[in-house]
Amino acid sequence: MPRFGLIALFRFLFRTSRTLWKRQEFRGLLSATVALIVLGAVFFKITEPHQFKTWVDAFYFTVVTLTTVGYGDFTPTRVVTKLFVIGYIFIGLALMGSFLGIVGEAFLSDARRPDGRGRDSGRSS
């Protein structure tokens, strides 16, 4: 029985990802998010080479910072990097919030589809 649940989950995720890709704002926010992550990783790797010894460390710190997880295993040591992180967090929060909002909206609208595939399809008005 669990296999049928996984199949349904994958179908739902595939269908939702197709719906998302059709939306111009999703593609734009995805591009901006990827660009912001790359920009942050490059900046951190260049300004703090002793702190971020590998590119993986720089990308990891970038994602941890943007998602506001903040494990504390890496910390900026230079003033310029600290100032960059302050602005980077504000821009990243706005961008990630918009991006996650569009994804959440797509999941909800797909779950409520009236064509018999959503969860609310069996309910009568």
PDB file of N, CA and C in Angstrom:
ATOM      1  N   MET A   1       0.794  -1.205   0.000  1.00  0.00           N
ATOM      2  CA  MET A   1       0.000   0.000   0.000  1.00  0.00           C
ATOM      3  C   MET A   1       0.838   1.271   0.000  1.00  0.00           C
ATOM      4  N   PRO A   2       1.990   1.327   0.714  1.00  0.00           N
ATOM      5  CA  PRO A   2       2.760   2.573   0.726  1.00  0.00           C
ATOM      6  C   PRO A   2       3.245   2.987  -0.660  1.00  0.00           C
ATOM      7  N   ARG A   3       3.452   2.020  -1.562  1.00  0.00           N
ATOM      8  CA  ARG A   3       3.897   2.377  -2.908  1.00  0.00           C
ATOM      9  C   ARG A   3       2.871   3.224  -3.620  1.00  0.00           C
ATOM     10  N   PHE A   4       1.586   2.933  -3.419  1.00  0.00           N
ATOM     11  CA  PHE A   4       0.548   3.720  -4.075  1.00  0.00           C
ATOM     12  C   PHE A   4       0.552   5.151  -3.564  1.00  0.00           C
ATOM     13  N   GLY A   5       0.864   5.324  -2.301  1.00  0.00           N
ATOM     14  CA  GLY A   5       0.971   6.667  -1.738  1.00  0.00           C
ATOM     15  C   GLY A   5       2.127   7.441  -2.342  1.00  0.00           C
ATOM     16  N   LEU A   6       3.266   6.757  -2.540  1.00  0.00           N
ATOM     17  CA  LEU A   6       4.412   7.401  -3.157  1.00  0.00           C
ATOM     18  C   LEU A   6       4.135   7.756  -4.610  1.00  0.00           C
ATOM     19  N   ILE A   7       3.469   6.868  -5.308  1.00  0.00           N
ATOM     20  CA  ILE A   7       3.115   7.148  -6.703  1.00  0.00           C
ATOM     21  C   ILE A   7       2.196   8.362  -6.775  1.00  0.00           C
ATOM     22  N   ALA A   8       1.213   8.421  -5.905  1.00  0.00           N
ATOM     23  CA  ALA A   8       0.305   9.572  -5.887  1.00  0.00           C
ATOM     24  C   ALA A   8       1.065  10.849  -5.547  1.00  0.00           C
ATOM     25  N   LEU A   9       2.007  10.767  -4.615  1.00  0.00           N
ATOM     26  CA  LEU A   9       2.798  11.935  -4.247  1.00  0.00           C
ATOM     27  C   LEU A   9       3.638  12.420  -5.428  1.00  0.00           C
ATOM     28  N   PHE A  10       4.302  11.499  -6.121  1.00  0.00           N
ATOM     29  CA  PHE A  10       5.118  11.885  -7.263  1.00  0.00           C
ATOM     30  C   PHE A  10       4.263  12.468  -8.386  1.00  0.00           C
ATOM     31  N   ARG A  11       3.088  11.901  -8.608  1.00  0.00           N
ATOM     32  CA  ARG A  11       2.188  12.458  -9.629  1.00  0.00           C
ATOM     33  C   ARG A  11       1.779  13.872  -9.253  1.00  0.00           C
ATOM     34  N   PHE A  12       1.455  14.084  -7.977  1.00  0.00           N
ATOM     35  CA  PHE A  12       1.061  15.401  -7.502  1.00  0.00           C
ATOM     36  C   PHE A  12       2.207  16.402  -7.671  1.00  0.00           C
ATOM     37  N   LEU A  13       3.429  16.015  -7.273  1.00  0.00           N
ATOM     38  CA  LEU A  13       4.577  16.906  -7.401  1.00  0.00           C
ATOM     39  C   LEU A  13       4.897  17.205  -8.856  1.00  0.00           C
ATOM     40  N   PHE A  14       4.788  16.212  -9.726  1.00  0.00           N
ATOM     41  CA  PHE A  14       5.051  16.419 -11.149  1.00  0.00           C
ATOM     42  C   PHE A  14       4.021  17.368 -11.751  1.00  0.00           C
ATOM     43  N   ARG A  15       2.768  17.139 -11.423  1.00  0.00           N
ATOM     44  CA  ARG A  15       1.687  17.985 -11.941  1.00  0.00           C
ATOM     45  C   ARG A  15       1.842  19.428 -11.446  1.00  0.00           C
ATOM     46  N   THR A  16       2.176  19.585 -10.185  1.00  0.00           N
ATOM     47  CA  THR A  16       2.348  20.919  -9.619  1.00  0.00           C
ATOM     48  C   THR A  16       3.570  21.609 -10.215  1.00  0.00           C
ATOM     49  N   SER A  17       4.649  20.888 -10.414  1.00  0.00           N
ATOM     50  CA  SER A  17       5.845  21.504 -10.998  1.00  0.00           C
ATOM     51  C   SER A  17       5.588  21.943 -12.439  1.00  0.00           C
ATOM     52  N   ARG A  18       4.793  21.186 -13.184  1.00  0.00           N
ATOM     53  CA  ARG A  18       4.416  21.615 -14.534  1.00  0.00           C
ATOM     54  C   ARG A  18       3.599  22.890 -14.484  1.00  0.00           C
ATOM     55  N   THR A  19       2.668  22.957 -13.533  1.00  0.00           N
ATOM     56  CA  THR A  19       1.848  24.151 -13.369  1.00  0.00           C
ATOM     57  C   THR A  19       2.715  25.348 -13.004  1.00  0.00           C
ATOM     58  N   LEU A  20       3.660  25.147 -12.096  1.00  0.00           N
ATOM     59  CA  LEU A  20       4.546  26.234 -11.691  1.00  0.00           C
ATOM     60  C   LEU A  20       5.399  26.736 -12.846  1.00  0.00           C
ATOM     61  N   TRP A  21       5.938  25.814 -13.626  1.00  0.00           N
ATOM     62  CA  TRP A  21       6.837  26.211 -14.712  1.00  0.00           C
ATOM     63  C   TRP A  21       6.119  27.064 -15.753  1.00  0.00           C
ATOM     64  N   LYS A  22       4.823  26.905 -15.884  1.00  0.00           N
ATOM     65  CA  LYS A  22       4.056  27.711 -16.846  1.00  0.00           C
ATOM     66  C   LYS A  22       3.906  29.158 -16.395  1.00  0.00           C
ATOM     67  N   ARG A  23       4.094  29.426 -15.125  1.00  0.00           N
ATOM     68  CA  ARG A  23       3.912  30.772 -14.578  1.00  0.00           C
ATOM     69  C   ARG A  23       5.194  31.585 -14.742  1.00  0.00           C
ATOM     70  N   GLN A  24       5.059  32.733 -15.386  1.00  0.00           N
ATOM     71  CA  GLN A  24       6.215  33.582 -15.644  1.00  0.00           C
ATOM     72  C   GLN A  24       6.856  34.081 -14.357  1.00  0.00           C
ATOM     73  N   GLU A  25       6.042  34.427 -13.351  1.00  0.00           N
ATOM     74  CA  GLU A  25       6.614  34.935 -12.108  1.00  0.00           C
ATOM     75  C   GLU A  25       7.422  33.862 -11.384  1.00  0.00           C
ATOM     76  N   PHE A  26       7.021  32.600 -11.518  1.00  0.00           N
ATOM     77  CA  PHE A  26       7.797  31.518 -10.902  1.00  0.00           C
ATOM     78  C   PHE A  26       9.164  31.404 -11.564  1.00  0.00           C
ATOM     79  N   ARG A  27       9.175  31.417 -12.888  1.00  0.00           N
ATOM     80  CA  ARG A  27      10.453  31.309 -13.595  1.00  0.00           C
ATOM     81  C   ARG A  27      11.361  32.502 -13.271  1.00  0.00           C
ATOM     82  N   GLY A  28      10.776  33.685 -13.177  1.00  0.00           N
ATOM     83  CA  GLY A  28      11.561  34.864 -12.838  1.00  0.00           C
ATOM     84  C   GLY A  28      12.122  34.797 -11.430  1.00  0.00           C
ATOM     85  N   LEU A  29      11.281  34.402 -10.476  1.00  0.00           N
ATOM     86  CA  LEU A  29      11.759  34.298  -9.089  1.00  0.00           C
ATOM     87  C   LEU A  29      12.760  33.157  -8.919  1.00  0.00           C
ATOM     88  N   LEU A  30      12.574  32.082  -9.657  1.00  0.00           N
ATOM     89  CA  LEU A  30      13.548  30.983  -9.596  1.00  0.00           C
ATOM     90  C   LEU A  30      14.895  31.456 -10.116  1.00  0.00           C
ATOM     91  N   SER A  31      14.889  32.180 -11.225  1.00  0.00           N
ATOM     92  CA  SER A  31      16.141  32.719 -11.777  1.00  0.00           C
ATOM     93  C   SER A  31      16.791  33.692 -10.805  1.00  0.00           C
ATOM     94  N   ALA A  32      15.998  34.572 -10.205  1.00  0.00           N
ATOM     95  CA  ALA A  32      16.536  35.542  -9.248  1.00  0.00           C
ATOM     96  C   ALA A  32      17.086  34.847  -8.016  1.00  0.00           C
ATOM     97  N   THR A  33      16.420  33.803  -7.556  1.00  0.00           N
ATOM     98  CA  THR A  33      16.885  33.063  -6.385  1.00  0.00           C
ATOM     99  C   THR A  33      18.213  32.369  -6.668  1.00  0.00           C
ATOM    100  N   VAL A  34      18.309  31.721  -7.818  1.00  0.00           N
ATOM    101  CA  VAL A  34      19.562  31.057  -8.189  1.00  0.00           C
ATOM    102  C   VAL A  34      20.683  32.091  -8.319  1.00  0.00           C
ATOM    103  N   ALA A  35      20.386  33.233  -8.948  1.00  0.00           N
ATOM    104  CA  ALA A  35      21.388  34.285  -9.105  1.00  0.00           C
ATOM    105  C   ALA A  35      21.832  34.821  -7.748  1.00  0.00           C
ATOM    106  N   LEU A  36      20.892  34.991  -6.829  1.00  0.00           N
ATOM    107  CA  LEU A  36      21.222  35.490  -5.496  1.00  0.00           C
ATOM    108  C   LEU A  36      22.101  34.498  -4.738  1.00  0.00           C
ATOM    109  N   ILE A  37      21.825  33.230  -4.877  1.00  0.00           N
ATOM    110  CA  ILE A  37      22.638  32.199  -4.214  1.00  0.00           C
ATOM    111  C   ILE A  37      24.052  32.182  -4.797  1.00  0.00           C
ATOM    112  N   VAL A  38      24.154  32.247  -6.117  1.00  0.00           N
ATOM    113  CA  VAL A  38      25.477  32.251  -6.753  1.00  0.00           C
ATOM    114  C   VAL A  38      26.248  33.513  -6.369  1.00  0.00           C
ATOM    115  N   LEU A  39      25.582  34.671  -6.407  1.00  0.00           N
ATOM    116  CA  LEU A  39      26.229  35.934  -6.024  1.00  0.00           C
ATOM    117  C   LEU A  39      26.753  35.869  -4.596  1.00  0.00           C
ATOM    118  N   GLY A  40      25.934  35.369  -3.695  1.00  0.00           N
ATOM    119  CA  GLY A  40      26.357  35.262  -2.296  1.00  0.00           C
ATOM    120  C   GLY A  40      27.541  34.330  -2.134  1.00  0.00           C
ATOM    121  N   ALA A  41      27.490  33.177  -2.786  1.00  0.00           N
ATOM    122  CA  ALA A  41      28.590  32.212  -2.656  1.00  0.00           C
ATOM    123  C   ALA A  41      29.891  32.790  -3.194  1.00  0.00           C
ATOM    124  N   VAL A  42      29.820  33.473  -4.329  1.00  0.00           N
ATOM    125  CA  VAL A  42      31.026  34.077  -4.902  1.00  0.00           C
ATOM    126  C   VAL A  42      31.565  35.157  -3.960  1.00  0.00           C
ATOM    127  N   PHE A  43      30.674  35.998  -3.457  1.00  0.00           N
ATOM    128  CA  PHE A  43      31.103  37.059  -2.542  1.00  0.00           C
ATOM    129  C   PHE A  43      31.762  36.480  -1.285  1.00  0.00           C
ATOM    130  N   PHE A  44      31.133  35.496  -0.686  1.00  0.00           N
ATOM    131  CA  PHE A  44      31.688  34.912   0.537  1.00  0.00           C
ATOM    132  C   PHE A  44      33.015  34.207   0.276  1.00  0.00           C
ATOM    133  N   LYS A  45      33.119  33.526  -0.827  1.00  0.00           N
ATOM    134  CA  LYS A  45      34.360  32.805  -1.150  1.00  0.00           C
ATOM    135  C   LYS A  45      35.502  33.791  -1.386  1.00  0.00           C
ATOM    136  N   ILE A  46      35.201  34.941  -2.014  1.00  0.00           N
ATOM    137  CA  ILE A  46      36.246  35.923  -2.310  1.00  0.00           C
ATOM    138  C   ILE A  46      36.636  36.714  -1.062  1.00  0.00           C
ATOM    139  N   THR A  47      35.658  37.136  -0.272  1.00  0.00           N
ATOM    140  CA  THR A  47      35.971  38.009   0.869  1.00  0.00           C
ATOM    141  C   THR A  47      36.440  37.266   2.109  1.00  0.00           C
ATOM    142  N   GLU A  48      36.092  36.001   2.223  1.00  0.00           N
ATOM    143  CA  GLU A  48      36.478  35.226   3.409  1.00  0.00           C
ATOM    144  C   GLU A  48      37.098  33.879   3.000  1.00  0.00           C
ATOM    145  N   PRO A  49      38.193  33.907   2.254  1.00  0.00           N
ATOM    146  CA  PRO A  49      38.769  32.632   1.788  1.00  0.00           C
ATOM    147  C   PRO A  49      39.279  31.742   2.919  1.00  0.00           C
ATOM    148  N   HIS A  50      39.671  32.339   4.035  1.00  0.00           N
ATOM    149  CA  HIS A  50      40.139  31.535   5.163  1.00  0.00           C
ATOM    150  C   HIS A  50      38.971  30.872   5.892  1.00  0.00           C
ATOM    151  N   GLN A  51      37.788  31.467   5.798  1.00  0.00           N
ATOM    152  CA  GLN A  51      36.599  30.930   6.462  1.00  0.00           C
ATOM    153  C   GLN A  51      35.895  29.885   5.573  1.00  0.00           C
ATOM    154  N   PHE A  52      35.771  30.201   4.284  1.00  0.00           N
ATOM    155  CA  PHE A  52      35.090  29.311   3.334  1.00  0.00           C
ATOM    156  C   PHE A  52      36.149  28.714   2.415  1.00  0.00           C
ATOM    157  N   LYS A  53      36.695  27.606   2.822  1.00  0.00           N
ATOM    158  CA  LYS A  53      37.817  27.005   2.107  1.00  0.00           C
ATOM    159  C   LYS A  53      37.403  26.351   0.788  1.00  0.00           C
ATOM    160  N   THR A  54      36.156  25.905   0.697  1.00  0.00           N
ATOM    161  CA  THR A  54      35.679  25.273  -0.539  1.00  0.00           C
ATOM    162  C   THR A  54      34.432  26.007  -1.024  1.00  0.00           C
ATOM    163  N   TRP A  55      34.104  25.770  -2.296  1.00  0.00           N
ATOM    164  CA  TRP A  55      32.882  26.361  -2.852  1.00  0.00           C
ATOM    165  C   TRP A  55      31.651  25.771  -2.186  1.00  0.00           C
ATOM    166  N   VAL A  56      31.740  24.541  -1.784  1.00  0.00           N
ATOM    167  CA  VAL A  56      30.603  23.911  -1.093  1.00  0.00           C
ATOM    168  C   VAL A  56      30.320  24.650   0.211  1.00  0.00           C
ATOM    169  N   ASP A  57      31.387  25.013   0.932  1.00  0.00           N
ATOM    170  CA  ASP A  57      31.199  25.783   2.167  1.00  0.00           C
ATOM    171  C   ASP A  57      30.503  27.116   1.889  1.00  0.00           C
ATOM    172  N   ALA A  58      30.904  27.779   0.828  1.00  0.00           N
ATOM    173  CA  ALA A  58      30.316  29.084   0.485  1.00  0.00           C
ATOM    174  C   ALA A  58      28.843  28.934   0.098  1.00  0.00           C
ATOM    175  N   PHE A  59      28.537  27.936  -0.716  1.00  0.00           N
ATOM    176  CA  PHE A  59      27.132  27.709  -1.095  1.00  0.00           C
ATOM    177  C   PHE A  59      26.295  27.287   0.118  1.00  0.00           C
ATOM    178  N   TYR A  60      26.872  26.458   0.944  1.00  0.00           N
ATOM    179  CA  TYR A  60      26.183  26.014   2.155  1.00  0.00           C
ATOM    180  C   TYR A  60      25.840  27.205   3.046  1.00  0.00           C
ATOM    181  N   PHE A  61      26.823  28.064   3.291  1.00  0.00           N
ATOM    182  CA  PHE A  61      26.584  29.233   4.132  1.00  0.00           C
ATOM    183  C   PHE A  61      25.534  30.149   3.508  1.00  0.00           C
ATOM    184  N   THR A  62      25.572  30.278   2.192  1.00  0.00           N
ATOM    185  CA  THR A  62      24.600  31.111   1.486  1.00  0.00           C
ATOM    186  C   THR A  62      23.184  30.598   1.702  1.00  0.00           C
ATOM    187  N   VAL A  63      22.971  29.329   1.525  1.00  0.00           N
ATOM    188  CA  VAL A  63      21.628  28.755   1.686  1.00  0.00           C
ATOM    189  C   VAL A  63      21.187  28.820   3.145  1.00  0.00           C
ATOM    190  N   VAL A  64      22.081  28.525   4.060  1.00  0.00           N
ATOM    191  CA  VAL A  64      21.750  28.591   5.487  1.00  0.00           C
ATOM    192  C   VAL A  64      21.385  30.025   5.877  1.00  0.00           C
ATOM    193  N   THR A  65      22.075  30.989   5.317  1.00  0.00           N
ATOM    194  CA  THR A  65      21.778  32.391   5.604  1.00  0.00           C
ATOM    195  C   THR A  65      20.435  32.802   5.009  1.00  0.00           C
ATOM    196  N   LEU A  66      20.191  32.454   3.742  1.00  0.00           N
ATOM    197  CA  LEU A  66      18.938  32.848   3.086  1.00  0.00           C
ATOM    198  C   LEU A  66      17.713  32.213   3.724  1.00  0.00           C
ATOM    199  N   THR A  67      17.856  31.025   4.225  1.00  0.00           N
ATOM    200  CA  THR A  67      16.712  30.360   4.858  1.00  0.00           C
ATOM    201  C   THR A  67      16.610  30.696   6.339  1.00  0.00           C
ATOM    202  N   THR A  68      17.480  31.550   6.812  1.00  0.00           N
ATOM    203  CA  THR A  68      17.537  32.010   8.206  1.00  0.00           C
ATOM    204  C   THR A  68      17.694  30.869   9.210  1.00  0.00           C
ATOM    205  N   VAL A  69      18.298  29.779   8.800  1.00  0.00           N
ATOM    206  CA  VAL A  69      18.550  28.674   9.715  1.00  0.00           C
ATOM    207  C   VAL A  69      19.670  29.064  10.673  1.00  0.00           C
ATOM    208  N   GLY A  70      20.787  29.514  10.131  1.00  0.00           N
ATOM    209  CA  GLY A  70      21.886  30.016  10.927  1.00  0.00           C
ATOM    210  C   GLY A  70      22.452  29.029  11.928  1.00  0.00           C
ATOM    211  N   TYR A  71      23.070  27.969  11.460  1.00  0.00           N
ATOM    212  CA  TYR A  71      23.637  26.961  12.358  1.00  0.00           C
ATOM    213  C   TYR A  71      24.781  27.506  13.197  1.00  0.00           C
ATOM    214  N   GLY A  72      25.499  28.489  12.705  1.00  0.00           N
ATOM    215  CA  GLY A  72      26.601  29.067  13.454  1.00  0.00           C
ATOM    216  C   GLY A  72      27.933  28.393  13.238  1.00  0.00           C
ATOM    217  N   ASP A  73      27.992  27.417  12.335  1.00  0.00           N
ATOM    218  CA  ASP A  73      29.270  26.749  12.095  1.00  0.00           C
ATOM    219  C   ASP A  73      30.214  27.621  11.267  1.00  0.00           C
ATOM    220  N   PHE A  74      29.676  28.561  10.497  1.00  0.00           N
ATOM    221  CA  PHE A  74      30.474  29.549   9.784  1.00  0.00           C
ATOM    222  C   PHE A  74      29.974  30.928  10.196  1.00  0.00           C
ATOM    223  N   THR A  75      30.905  31.836  10.404  1.00  0.00           N
ATOM    224  CA  THR A  75      30.522  33.213  10.707  1.00  0.00           C
ATOM    225  C   THR A  75      31.462  34.159   9.976  1.00  0.00           C
ATOM    226  N   PRO A  76      30.919  35.224   9.410  1.00  0.00           N
ATOM    227  CA  PRO A  76      31.785  36.203   8.750  1.00  0.00           C
ATOM    228  C   PRO A  76      32.695  36.885   9.776  1.00  0.00           C
ATOM    229  N   THR A  77      33.924  37.167   9.384  1.00  0.00           N
ATOM    230  CA  THR A  77      34.866  37.788  10.307  1.00  0.00           C
ATOM    231  C   THR A  77      35.223  39.214   9.902  1.00  0.00           C
ATOM    232  N   ARG A  78      35.082  39.564   8.638  1.00  0.00           N
ATOM    233  CA  ARG A  78      35.424  40.905   8.162  1.00  0.00           C
ATOM    234  C   ARG A  78      34.199  41.808   8.212  1.00  0.00           C
ATOM    235  N   VAL A  79      34.428  43.089   8.426  1.00  0.00           N
ATOM    236  CA  VAL A  79      33.340  44.068   8.518  1.00  0.00           C
ATOM    237  C   VAL A  79      32.559  44.136   7.207  1.00  0.00           C
ATOM    238  N   VAL A  80      33.245  44.138   6.089  1.00  0.00           N
ATOM    239  CA  VAL A  80      32.560  44.233   4.801  1.00  0.00           C
ATOM    240  C   VAL A  80      31.636  43.034   4.582  1.00  0.00           C
ATOM    241  N   THR A  81      32.052  41.869   5.015  1.00  0.00           N
ATOM    242  CA  THR A  81      31.221  40.676   4.876  1.00  0.00           C
ATOM    243  C   THR A  81      30.017  40.747   5.797  1.00  0.00           C
ATOM    244  N   LYS A  82      30.212  41.230   6.998  1.00  0.00           N
ATOM    245  CA  LYS A  82      29.092  41.372   7.934  1.00  0.00           C
ATOM    246  C   LYS A  82      28.054  42.355   7.405  1.00  0.00           C
ATOM    247  N   LEU A  83      28.515  43.475   6.846  1.00  0.00           N
ATOM    248  CA  LEU A  83      27.584  44.454   6.272  1.00  0.00           C
ATOM    249  C   LEU A  83      26.844  43.863   5.066  1.00  0.00           C
ATOM    250  N   PHE A  84      27.573  43.114   4.255  1.00  0.00           N
ATOM    251  CA  PHE A  84      26.933  42.456   3.113  1.00  0.00           C
ATOM    252  C   PHE A  84      25.855  41.487   3.581  1.00  0.00           C
ATOM    253  N   VAL A  85      26.135  40.722   4.622  1.00  0.00           N
ATOM    254  CA  VAL A  85      25.180  39.742   5.130  1.00  0.00           C
ATOM    255  C   VAL A  85      23.899  40.420   5.615  1.00  0.00           C
ATOM    256  N   ILE A  86      24.017  41.588   6.224  1.00  0.00           N
ATOM    257  CA  ILE A  86      22.828  42.298   6.697  1.00  0.00           C
ATOM    258  C   ILE A  86      21.889  42.603   5.529  1.00  0.00           C
ATOM    259  N   GLY A  87      22.410  43.195   4.472  1.00  0.00           N
ATOM    260  CA  GLY A  87      21.590  43.479   3.294  1.00  0.00           C
ATOM    261  C   GLY A  87      21.135  42.223   2.587  1.00  0.00           C
ATOM    262  N   TYR A  88      22.028  41.250   2.539  1.00  0.00           N
ATOM    263  CA  TYR A  88      21.743  39.981   1.857  1.00  0.00           C
ATOM    264  C   TYR A  88      20.562  39.257   2.510  1.00  0.00           C
ATOM    265  N   ILE A  89      20.495  39.309   3.817  1.00  0.00           N
ATOM    266  CA  ILE A  89      19.392  38.648   4.527  1.00  0.00           C
ATOM    267  C   ILE A  89      18.064  39.327   4.210  1.00  0.00           C
ATOM    268  N   PHE A  90      18.034  40.663   4.221  1.00  0.00           N
ATOM    269  CA  PHE A  90      16.781  41.367   3.920  1.00  0.00           C
ATOM    270  C   PHE A  90      16.310  41.105   2.494  1.00  0.00           C
ATOM    271  N   ILE A  91      17.220  41.183   1.547  1.00  0.00           N
ATOM    272  CA  ILE A  91      16.856  40.903   0.154  1.00  0.00           C
ATOM    273  C   ILE A  91      16.452  39.439   0.000  1.00  0.00           C
ATOM    274  N   GLY A  92      17.219  38.566   0.625  1.00  0.00           N
ATOM    275  CA  GLY A  92      16.933  37.132   0.537  1.00  0.00           C
ATOM    276  C   GLY A  92      15.608  36.753   1.153  1.00  0.00           C
ATOM    277  N   LEU A  93      15.260  37.353   2.283  1.00  0.00           N
ATOM    278  CA  LEU A  93      13.973  37.065   2.916  1.00  0.00           C
ATOM    279  C   LEU A  93      12.813  37.454   2.009  1.00  0.00           C
ATOM    280  N   ALA A  94      12.910  38.620   1.406  1.00  0.00           N
ATOM    281  CA  ALA A  94      11.844  39.070   0.504  1.00  0.00           C
ATOM    282  C   ALA A  94      11.732  38.152  -0.704  1.00  0.00           C
ATOM    283  N   LEU A  95      12.859  37.813  -1.294  1.00  0.00           N
ATOM    284  CA  LEU A  95      12.854  36.964  -2.476  1.00  0.00           C
ATOM    285  C   LEU A  95      12.378  35.553  -2.153  1.00  0.00           C
ATOM    286  N   MET A  96      12.914  34.978  -1.086  1.00  0.00           N
ATOM    287  CA  MET A  96      12.522  33.619  -0.716  1.00  0.00           C
ATOM    288  C   MET A  96      11.052  33.568  -0.293  1.00  0.00           C
ATOM    289  N   GLY A  97      10.588  34.606   0.405  1.00  0.00           N
ATOM    290  CA  GLY A  97       9.177  34.656   0.789  1.00  0.00           C
ATOM    291  C   GLY A  97       8.260  34.693  -0.423  1.00  0.00           C
ATOM    292  N   SER A  98       8.613  35.497  -1.409  1.00  0.00           N
ATOM    293  CA  SER A  98       7.820  35.559  -2.637  1.00  0.00           C
ATOM    294  C   SER A  98       7.840  34.227  -3.371  1.00  0.00           C
ATOM    295  N   PHE A  99       9.020  33.644  -3.460  1.00  0.00           N
ATOM    296  CA  PHE A  99       9.184  32.366  -4.154  1.00  0.00           C
ATOM    297  C   PHE A  99       8.368  31.266  -3.468  1.00  0.00           C
ATOM    298  N   LEU A 100       8.483  31.169  -2.156  1.00  0.00           N
ATOM    299  CA  LEU A 100       7.741  30.142  -1.419  1.00  0.00           C
ATOM    300  C   LEU A 100       6.237  30.410  -1.446  1.00  0.00           C
ATOM    301  N   GLY A 101       5.843  31.675  -1.480  1.00  0.00           N
ATOM    302  CA  GLY A 101       4.426  32.012  -1.587  1.00  0.00           C
ATOM    303  C   GLY A 101       3.815  31.518  -2.890  1.00  0.00           C
ATOM    304  N   ILE A 102       4.536  31.677  -3.986  1.00  0.00           N
ATOM    305  CA  ILE A 102       4.043  31.204  -5.285  1.00  0.00           C
ATOM    306  C   ILE A 102       3.968  29.680  -5.301  1.00  0.00           C
ATOM    307  N   VAL A 103       4.970  29.026  -4.735  1.00  0.00           N
ATOM    308  CA  VAL A 103       4.954  27.562  -4.685  1.00  0.00           C
ATOM    309  C   VAL A 103       3.787  27.078  -3.822  1.00  0.00           C
ATOM    310  N   GLY A 104       3.594  27.695  -2.661  1.00  0.00           N
ATOM    311  CA  GLY A 104       2.476  27.313  -1.786  1.00  0.00           C
ATOM    312  C   GLY A 104       1.132  27.533  -2.442  1.00  0.00           C
ATOM    313  N   GLU A 105       0.989  28.642  -3.150  1.00  0.00           N
ATOM    314  CA  GLU A 105      -0.257  28.929  -3.861  1.00  0.00           C
ATOM    315  C   GLU A 105      -0.543  27.873  -4.929  1.00  0.00           C
ATOM    316  N   ALA A 106       0.503  27.448  -5.632  1.00  0.00           N
ATOM    317  CA  ALA A 106       0.331  26.420  -6.654  1.00  0.00           C
ATOM    318  C   ALA A 106      -0.084  25.092  -6.033  1.00  0.00           C
ATOM    319  N   PHE A 107       0.511  24.729  -4.900  1.00  0.00           N
ATOM    320  CA  PHE A 107       0.129  23.484  -4.223  1.00  0.00           C
ATOM    321  C   PHE A 107      -1.328  23.532  -3.781  1.00  0.00           C
ATOM    322  N   LEU A 108      -1.737  24.653  -3.220  1.00  0.00           N
ATOM    323  CA  LEU A 108      -3.122  24.778  -2.760  1.00  0.00           C
ATOM    324  C   LEU A 108      -4.112  24.763  -3.913  1.00  0.00           C
ATOM    325  N   SER A 109      -3.801  25.477  -4.979  1.00  0.00           N
ATOM    326  CA  SER A 109      -4.730  25.504  -6.106  1.00  0.00           C
ATOM    327  C   SER A 109      -4.817  24.136  -6.776  1.00  0.00           C
ATOM    328  N   ASP A 110      -3.693  23.402  -6.813  1.00  0.00           N
ATOM    329  CA  ASP A 110      -3.720  22.065  -7.394  1.00  0.00           C
ATOM    330  C   ASP A 110      -4.519  21.102  -6.516  1.00  0.00           C
ATOM    331  N   ALA A 111      -4.426  21.267  -5.210  1.00  0.00           N
ATOM    332  CA  ALA A 111      -5.162  20.393  -4.291  1.00  0.00           C
ATOM    333  C   ALA A 111      -6.666  20.651  -4.368  1.00  0.00           C
ATOM    334  N   ARG A 112      -7.052  21.832  -4.809  1.00  0.00           N
ATOM    335  CA  ARG A 112      -8.475  22.194  -4.874  1.00  0.00           C
ATOM    336  C   ARG A 112      -9.047  22.133  -6.282  1.00  0.00           C
ATOM    337  N   ARG A 113      -8.349  21.500  -7.188  1.00  0.00           N
ATOM    338  CA  ARG A 113      -8.809  21.448  -8.586  1.00  0.00           C
ATOM    339  C   ARG A 113     -10.153  20.746  -8.684  1.00  0.00           C
ATOM    340  N   PRO A 114     -11.069  21.320  -9.441  1.00  0.00           N
ATOM    341  CA  PRO A 114     -12.402  20.722  -9.575  1.00  0.00           C
ATOM    342  C   PRO A 114     -12.477  19.612 -10.622  1.00  0.00           C
ATOM    343  N   ASP A 115     -11.382  19.223 -11.225  1.00  0.00           N
ATOM    344  CA  ASP A 115     -11.420  18.223 -12.301  1.00  0.00           C
ATOM    345  C   ASP A 115     -11.328  16.785 -11.803  1.00  0.00           C
ATOM    346  N   GLY A 116     -11.488  16.603 -10.506  1.00  0.00           N
ATOM    347  CA  GLY A 116     -11.470  15.237  -9.976  1.00  0.00           C
ATOM    348  C   GLY A 116     -10.142  14.785  -9.457  1.00  0.00           C
ATOM    349  N   ARG A 117      -9.116  15.637  -9.533  1.00  0.00           N
ATOM    350  CA  ARG A 117      -7.789  15.232  -9.089  1.00  0.00           C
ATOM    351  C   ARG A 117      -7.394  15.827  -7.754  1.00  0.00           C
ATOM    352  N   GLY A 118      -8.093  16.869  -7.314  1.00  0.00           N
ATOM    353  CA  GLY A 118      -7.756  17.518  -6.046  1.00  0.00           C
ATOM    354  C   GLY A 118      -8.493  16.883  -4.881  1.00  0.00           C
ATOM    355  N   ARG A 119      -8.109  17.274  -3.682  1.00  0.00           N
ATOM    356  CA  ARG A 119      -8.727  16.706  -2.483  1.00  0.00           C
ATOM    357  C   ARG A 119     -10.181  17.134  -2.332  1.00  0.00           C
ATOM    358  N   ASP A 120     -10.532  18.345  -2.775  1.00  0.00           N
ATOM    359  CA  ASP A 120     -11.884  18.861  -2.587  1.00  0.00           C
ATOM    360  C   ASP A 120     -12.851  18.422  -3.675  1.00  0.00           C
ATOM    361  N   SER A 121     -12.409  17.573  -4.592  1.00  0.00           N
ATOM    362  CA  SER A 121     -13.238  17.236  -5.742  1.00  0.00           C
ATOM    363  C   SER A 121     -14.478  16.417  -5.373  1.00  0.00           C
ATOM    364  N   GLY A 122     -14.444  15.682  -4.298  1.00  0.00           N
ATOM    365  CA  GLY A 122     -15.576  14.843  -3.929  1.00  0.00           C
ATOM    366  C   GLY A 122     -16.648  15.559  -3.141  1.00  0.00           C
ATOM    367  N   ARG A 123     -16.360  16.764  -2.739  1.00  0.00           N
ATOM    368  CA  ARG A 123     -17.315  17.510  -1.922  1.00  0.00           C
ATOM    369  C   ARG A 123     -18.332  18.220  -2.794  1.00  0.00           C
ATOM    370  N   SER A 124     -19.534  18.273  -2.298  1.00  0.00           N
ATOM    371  CA  SER A 124     -20.558  19.025  -3.025  1.00  0.00           C
ATOM    372  C   SER A 124     -20.727  20.380  -2.384  1.00  0.00           C
ATOM    373  N   SER A 125     -21.148  21.368  -3.182  1.00  0.00           N
ATOM    374  CA  SER A 125     -21.297  22.731  -2.668  1.00  0.00           C
ATOM    375  C   SER A 125     -22.537  22.906  -1.893  1.00  0.00           C
TER     376      SER A 125
END
